[in-house]
Amino acid sequence: MERKANREKMRRLELNDKFNELAEVLLDVEPCCHSQGVRPSRAPTDKGNFRVELLSRAIRTLKVCKPP
C-alpha cells in the first residue's frame, strides 16, 4: 500500500510540474498571439479552477497561433 501511495505522490508532483511549465510557456507565447486576436487571460480567481483555466488558455492560444 505504501508503494501505491508513493507512486501517486510522484504522479501528482509530475503533473503539477507540467502544469507549471505550461503556464510559463503560455506567458511567453500569448503576447505574440495577442496581435493575432487573442485576448489576455485573467488569472483564475478560484485556485481549484486553475488547471481548467490553464488548459482553456492553451487551447485558445494554439487555435489562434496554428498555421493555416
N, C-alpha and C. Protein backbone atom coordinates (compact mmCIF):
# COMPACT_ATOMS: atom_id res chain seq x y z
N MET A 1 0.83 -1.20 0.00
CA MET A 1 0.00 0.00 0.00
C MET A 1 0.87 1.26 0.00
N GLU A 2 1.98 1.21 0.69
CA GLU A 2 2.86 2.38 0.77
C GLU A 2 3.46 2.69 -0.61
N ARG A 3 3.78 1.66 -1.39
CA ARG A 3 4.32 1.89 -2.74
C ARG A 3 3.30 2.59 -3.62
N LYS A 4 2.05 2.20 -3.48
CA LYS A 4 0.99 2.82 -4.27
C LYS A 4 0.86 4.30 -3.90
N ALA A 5 0.92 4.60 -2.62
CA ALA A 5 0.83 5.99 -2.16
C ALA A 5 2.03 6.79 -2.68
N ASN A 6 3.21 6.20 -2.68
CA ASN A 6 4.40 6.89 -3.18
C ASN A 6 4.30 7.15 -4.68
N ARG A 7 3.79 6.18 -5.43
CA ARG A 7 3.61 6.36 -6.87
C ARG A 7 2.61 7.48 -7.15
N GLU A 8 1.53 7.50 -6.39
CA GLU A 8 0.51 8.54 -6.57
C GLU A 8 1.08 9.92 -6.24
N LYS A 9 1.88 10.00 -5.20
CA LYS A 9 2.50 11.27 -4.82
C LYS A 9 3.44 11.74 -5.94
N MET A 10 4.23 10.84 -6.49
CA MET A 10 5.13 11.19 -7.59
C MET A 10 4.35 11.64 -8.82
N ARG A 11 3.25 10.96 -9.10
CA ARG A 11 2.42 11.32 -10.25
C ARG A 11 1.86 12.73 -10.09
N ARG A 12 1.38 13.04 -8.89
CA ARG A 12 0.84 14.38 -8.62
C ARG A 12 1.92 15.45 -8.75
N LEU A 13 3.12 15.16 -8.24
CA LEU A 13 4.22 16.11 -8.35
C LEU A 13 4.59 16.37 -9.80
N GLU A 14 4.67 15.31 -10.59
CA GLU A 14 4.99 15.45 -12.01
C GLU A 14 3.91 16.23 -12.75
N LEU A 15 2.67 15.95 -12.42
CA LEU A 15 1.55 16.65 -13.05
C LEU A 15 1.59 18.14 -12.70
N ASN A 16 1.84 18.46 -11.44
CA ASN A 16 1.96 19.86 -11.03
C ASN A 16 3.11 20.55 -11.75
N ASP A 17 4.24 19.86 -11.89
CA ASP A 17 5.39 20.43 -12.60
C ASP A 17 5.02 20.75 -14.05
N LYS A 18 4.30 19.86 -14.69
CA LYS A 18 3.93 20.06 -16.09
C LYS A 18 2.93 21.19 -16.25
N PHE A 19 1.99 21.33 -15.32
CA PHE A 19 1.07 22.45 -15.38
C PHE A 19 1.81 23.77 -15.17
N ASN A 20 2.79 23.79 -14.28
CA ASN A 20 3.59 25.00 -14.07
C ASN A 20 4.40 25.33 -15.32
N GLU A 21 4.95 24.30 -15.95
CA GLU A 21 5.72 24.50 -17.18
C GLU A 21 4.81 25.06 -18.29
N LEU A 22 3.60 24.51 -18.40
CA LEU A 22 2.64 25.01 -19.39
C LEU A 22 2.30 26.46 -19.13
N ALA A 23 2.12 26.84 -17.89
CA ALA A 23 1.80 28.23 -17.54
C ALA A 23 2.95 29.15 -17.96
N GLU A 24 4.18 28.74 -17.75
CA GLU A 24 5.33 29.55 -18.13
C GLU A 24 5.42 29.70 -19.64
N VAL A 25 5.19 28.62 -20.38
CA VAL A 25 5.24 28.68 -21.83
C VAL A 25 4.15 29.60 -22.36
N LEU A 26 2.96 29.52 -21.78
CA LEU A 26 1.87 30.38 -22.22
C LEU A 26 2.19 31.86 -22.00
N LEU A 27 2.88 32.17 -20.92
CA LEU A 27 3.27 33.56 -20.68
C LEU A 27 4.18 34.07 -21.78
N ASP A 28 5.02 33.19 -22.33
CA ASP A 28 5.91 33.58 -23.42
C ASP A 28 5.19 33.64 -24.76
N VAL A 29 4.26 32.75 -24.99
CA VAL A 29 3.62 32.61 -26.29
C VAL A 29 2.43 33.54 -26.47
N GLU A 30 1.68 33.77 -25.42
CA GLU A 30 0.46 34.57 -25.55
C GLU A 30 0.69 35.98 -26.10
N PRO A 31 1.75 36.69 -25.71
CA PRO A 31 1.92 38.04 -26.26
C PRO A 31 1.99 38.08 -27.78
N CYS A 32 2.64 37.11 -28.41
CA CYS A 32 2.71 37.10 -29.87
C CYS A 32 1.35 36.80 -30.47
N CYS A 33 0.53 36.08 -29.75
CA CYS A 33 -0.80 35.74 -30.26
C CYS A 33 -1.78 36.87 -30.02
N HIS A 34 -1.50 37.78 -29.08
CA HIS A 34 -2.40 38.90 -28.83
C HIS A 34 -2.53 39.75 -30.09
N SER A 35 -1.44 39.85 -30.83
CA SER A 35 -1.51 40.64 -32.06
C SER A 35 -2.37 39.96 -33.11
N GLN A 36 -2.65 38.66 -32.91
CA GLN A 36 -3.49 37.91 -33.84
C GLN A 36 -4.92 37.79 -33.34
N GLY A 37 -5.25 38.47 -32.26
CA GLY A 37 -6.64 38.50 -31.81
C GLY A 37 -6.96 37.75 -30.55
N VAL A 38 -5.96 37.20 -29.87
CA VAL A 38 -6.24 36.50 -28.61
C VAL A 38 -6.20 37.52 -27.49
N ARG A 39 -7.26 37.56 -26.72
CA ARG A 39 -7.29 38.49 -25.59
C ARG A 39 -6.46 37.93 -24.45
N PRO A 40 -5.81 38.79 -23.67
CA PRO A 40 -5.08 38.31 -22.49
C PRO A 40 -6.02 37.61 -21.53
N SER A 41 -5.53 36.56 -20.92
CA SER A 41 -6.35 35.79 -19.99
C SER A 41 -6.24 36.36 -18.60
N ARG A 42 -7.36 36.31 -17.89
CA ARG A 42 -7.35 36.72 -16.50
C ARG A 42 -6.83 35.56 -15.66
N ALA A 43 -6.21 35.88 -14.57
CA ALA A 43 -5.80 34.83 -13.64
C ALA A 43 -7.06 34.25 -13.00
N PRO A 44 -7.11 32.93 -12.83
CA PRO A 44 -8.31 32.34 -12.23
C PRO A 44 -8.48 32.82 -10.80
N THR A 45 -9.72 33.11 -10.44
CA THR A 45 -9.97 33.59 -9.09
C THR A 45 -10.08 32.42 -8.11
N ASP A 46 -10.44 31.27 -8.63
CA ASP A 46 -10.60 30.08 -7.80
C ASP A 46 -9.42 29.15 -8.06
N LYS A 47 -8.65 28.85 -7.02
CA LYS A 47 -7.47 28.01 -7.20
C LYS A 47 -7.83 26.63 -7.71
N GLY A 48 -9.01 26.14 -7.39
CA GLY A 48 -9.44 24.84 -7.88
C GLY A 48 -9.72 24.85 -9.37
N ASN A 49 -9.91 26.05 -9.93
CA ASN A 49 -10.21 26.19 -11.34
C ASN A 49 -8.95 26.46 -12.16
N PHE A 50 -7.80 26.51 -11.53
CA PHE A 50 -6.54 26.87 -12.19
C PHE A 50 -6.23 25.97 -13.37
N ARG A 51 -6.33 24.68 -13.19
CA ARG A 51 -5.98 23.74 -14.26
C ARG A 51 -6.92 23.85 -15.44
N VAL A 52 -8.19 23.99 -15.17
CA VAL A 52 -9.17 24.11 -16.25
C VAL A 52 -8.92 25.39 -17.04
N GLU A 53 -8.69 26.49 -16.33
CA GLU A 53 -8.42 27.76 -16.99
C GLU A 53 -7.12 27.70 -17.78
N LEU A 54 -6.10 27.08 -17.24
CA LEU A 54 -4.81 26.95 -17.92
C LEU A 54 -4.96 26.15 -19.21
N LEU A 55 -5.67 25.04 -19.15
CA LEU A 55 -5.90 24.24 -20.34
C LEU A 55 -6.73 24.99 -21.37
N SER A 56 -7.70 25.75 -20.92
CA SER A 56 -8.51 26.56 -21.84
C SER A 56 -7.66 27.61 -22.54
N ARG A 57 -6.78 28.27 -21.78
CA ARG A 57 -5.87 29.25 -22.37
C ARG A 57 -4.97 28.60 -23.41
N ALA A 58 -4.44 27.43 -23.09
CA ALA A 58 -3.55 26.74 -24.02
C ALA A 58 -4.28 26.38 -25.30
N ILE A 59 -5.48 25.87 -25.18
CA ILE A 59 -6.27 25.51 -26.36
C ILE A 59 -6.57 26.73 -27.20
N ARG A 60 -7.02 27.81 -26.56
CA ARG A 60 -7.35 29.04 -27.26
C ARG A 60 -6.12 29.60 -27.98
N THR A 61 -4.97 29.59 -27.31
CA THR A 61 -3.74 30.11 -27.89
C THR A 61 -3.29 29.26 -29.07
N LEU A 62 -3.36 27.95 -28.92
CA LEU A 62 -2.95 27.07 -30.02
C LEU A 62 -3.85 27.23 -31.24
N LYS A 63 -5.13 27.40 -31.01
CA LYS A 63 -6.05 27.56 -32.14
C LYS A 63 -5.73 28.84 -32.93
N VAL A 64 -5.37 29.90 -32.23
CA VAL A 64 -5.09 31.16 -32.91
C VAL A 64 -3.70 31.16 -33.55
N CYS A 65 -2.74 30.54 -32.90
CA CYS A 65 -1.35 30.60 -33.35
C CYS A 65 -0.98 29.53 -34.37
N LYS A 66 -1.85 28.56 -34.59
CA LYS A 66 -1.51 27.49 -35.52
C LYS A 66 -1.46 28.02 -36.94
N PRO A 67 -0.58 27.45 -37.76
CA PRO A 67 -0.51 27.91 -39.15
C PRO A 67 -1.76 27.49 -39.92
N PRO A 68 -2.11 28.25 -40.94
CA PRO A 68 -3.33 27.95 -41.72
C PRO A 68 -3.24 26.64 -42.47
